[in-house]
C-alpha atoms as a PDB file:
ATOM      1  CA  MET A   1       4.436  -4.695  14.610  1.00  0.00           C
ATOM      2  CA  THR A   2       2.828  -7.836  14.628  1.00  0.00           C
ATOM      3  CA  ASP A   3       0.774  -8.337  11.756  1.00  0.00           C
ATOM      4  CA  THR A   4      -2.227  -7.479  13.389  1.00  0.00           C
ATOM      5  CA  GLN A   5      -0.619  -4.373  14.586  1.00  0.00           C
ATOM      6  CA  VAL A   6       0.306  -3.455  10.877  1.00  0.00           C
ATOM      7  CA  ARG A   7      -3.447  -4.819   9.213  1.00  0.00           C
ATOM      8  CA  ASN A   8      -4.958  -2.192  12.115  1.00  0.00           C
ATOM      9  CA  GLU A   9      -2.877   0.113  10.835  1.00  0.00           C
ATOM     10  CA  ILE A  10      -3.729  -0.283   6.957  1.00  0.00           C
ATOM     11  CA  ASN A  11      -7.455  -0.742   7.858  1.00  0.00           C
ATOM     12  CA  TYR A  12      -7.777   2.344   9.770  1.00  0.00           C
ATOM     13  CA  ARG A  13      -5.766   4.355   7.204  1.00  0.00           C
ATOM     14  CA  ARG A  14      -8.303   3.014   4.545  1.00  0.00           C
ATOM     15  CA  SER A  15     -11.320   4.133   6.771  1.00  0.00           C
ATOM     16  CA  VAL A  16      -9.681   7.608   7.077  1.00  0.00           C
ATOM     17  CA  LEU A  17      -9.401   7.756   3.795  1.00  0.00           C
ATOM     18  CA  VAL A  18     -13.071   6.650   3.394  1.00  0.00           C
ATOM     19  CA  LEU A  19     -14.242   9.088   5.709  1.00  0.00           C
ATOM     20  CA  LYS A  20     -12.777  12.121   3.698  1.00  0.00           C
ATOM     21  CA  ARG A  21     -14.392  11.196   0.686  1.00  0.00           C
ATOM     22  CA  LEU A  22     -17.656  10.827   2.324  1.00  0.00           C
ATOM     23  CA  LEU A  23     -17.443  14.697   3.897  1.00  0.00           C
ATOM     24  CA  GLN A  24     -15.316  16.048   0.479  1.00  0.00           C
ATOM     25  CA  PHE A  25     -18.977  14.904  -1.332  1.00  0.00           C
ATOM     26  CA  GLY A  26     -21.294  15.851   1.637  1.00  0.00           C
ATOM     27  CA  LEU A  27     -22.419  12.501   2.223  1.00  0.00           C
ATOM     28  CA  ILE A  28     -21.940  12.752   5.973  1.00  0.00           C
ATOM     29  CA  THR A  29     -21.894  15.199   8.815  1.00  0.00           C
ATOM     30  CA  GLU A  30     -18.403  15.812  10.882  1.00  0.00           C
ATOM     31  CA  GLU A  31     -19.663  14.842  13.877  1.00  0.00           C
ATOM     32  CA  GLN A  32     -20.703  12.160  11.810  1.00  0.00           C
ATOM     33  CA  ALA A  33     -17.277  11.032  11.044  1.00  0.00           C
ATOM     34  CA  LYS A  34     -15.967  12.022  14.429  1.00  0.00           C
ATOM     35  CA  GLN A  35     -18.506   9.016  15.647  1.00  0.00           C
ATOM     36  CA  ILE A  36     -17.139   6.778  13.459  1.00  0.00           C
ATOM     37  CA  ASP A  37     -13.640   7.927  13.374  1.00  0.00           C
ATOM     38  CA  MET A  38     -14.526   6.772  17.162  1.00  0.00           C
ATOM     39  CA  LEU A  39     -16.256   3.074  15.760  1.00  0.00           C
ATOM     40  CA  ASN A  40     -12.663   2.639  13.716  1.00  0.00           C
ATOM     41  CA  ARG A  41     -10.325   2.993  16.260  1.00  0.00           C
ATOM     42  CA  GLU A  42     -12.342  -0.106  18.359  1.00  0.00           C
ATOM     43  CA  SER A  43     -12.050  -1.265  15.367  1.00  0.00           C
ATOM     44  CA  PHE A  44      -8.417  -1.157  14.361  1.00  0.00           C
ATOM     45  CA  PRO A  45      -7.132   0.383  17.452  1.00  0.00           C
ATOM     46  CA  PRO A  46      -4.079   2.355  15.224  1.00  0.00           C
ATOM     47  CA  LEU A  47      -0.424   1.635  17.062  1.00  0.00           C
ATOM     48  CA  LEU A  48       0.367   5.567  15.827  1.00  0.00           C
ATOM     49  CA  GLU A  49      -2.767   6.898  16.806  1.00  0.00           C
ATOM     50  CA  GLN A  50      -1.120  10.103  18.608  1.00  0.00           C
ATOM     51  CA  LEU A  51       0.217  10.517  14.883  1.00  0.00           C
ATOM     52  CA  TYR A  52      -3.753  10.845  13.732  1.00  0.00           C
ATOM     53  CA  ASP A  53      -5.316  13.545  16.206  1.00  0.00           C
END
């Protein structure tokens, strides 16, 4: 993996954790979380994306 790929993986995983926390506290809906996740995947394309589905 390149440095960029590693950074993307880390950033994507962080974004997933934030989304889970926001959902847990009821600050966003499931639909909003899905939309945000799609944007995060564009911003931080995870190399292991198929594992996150």
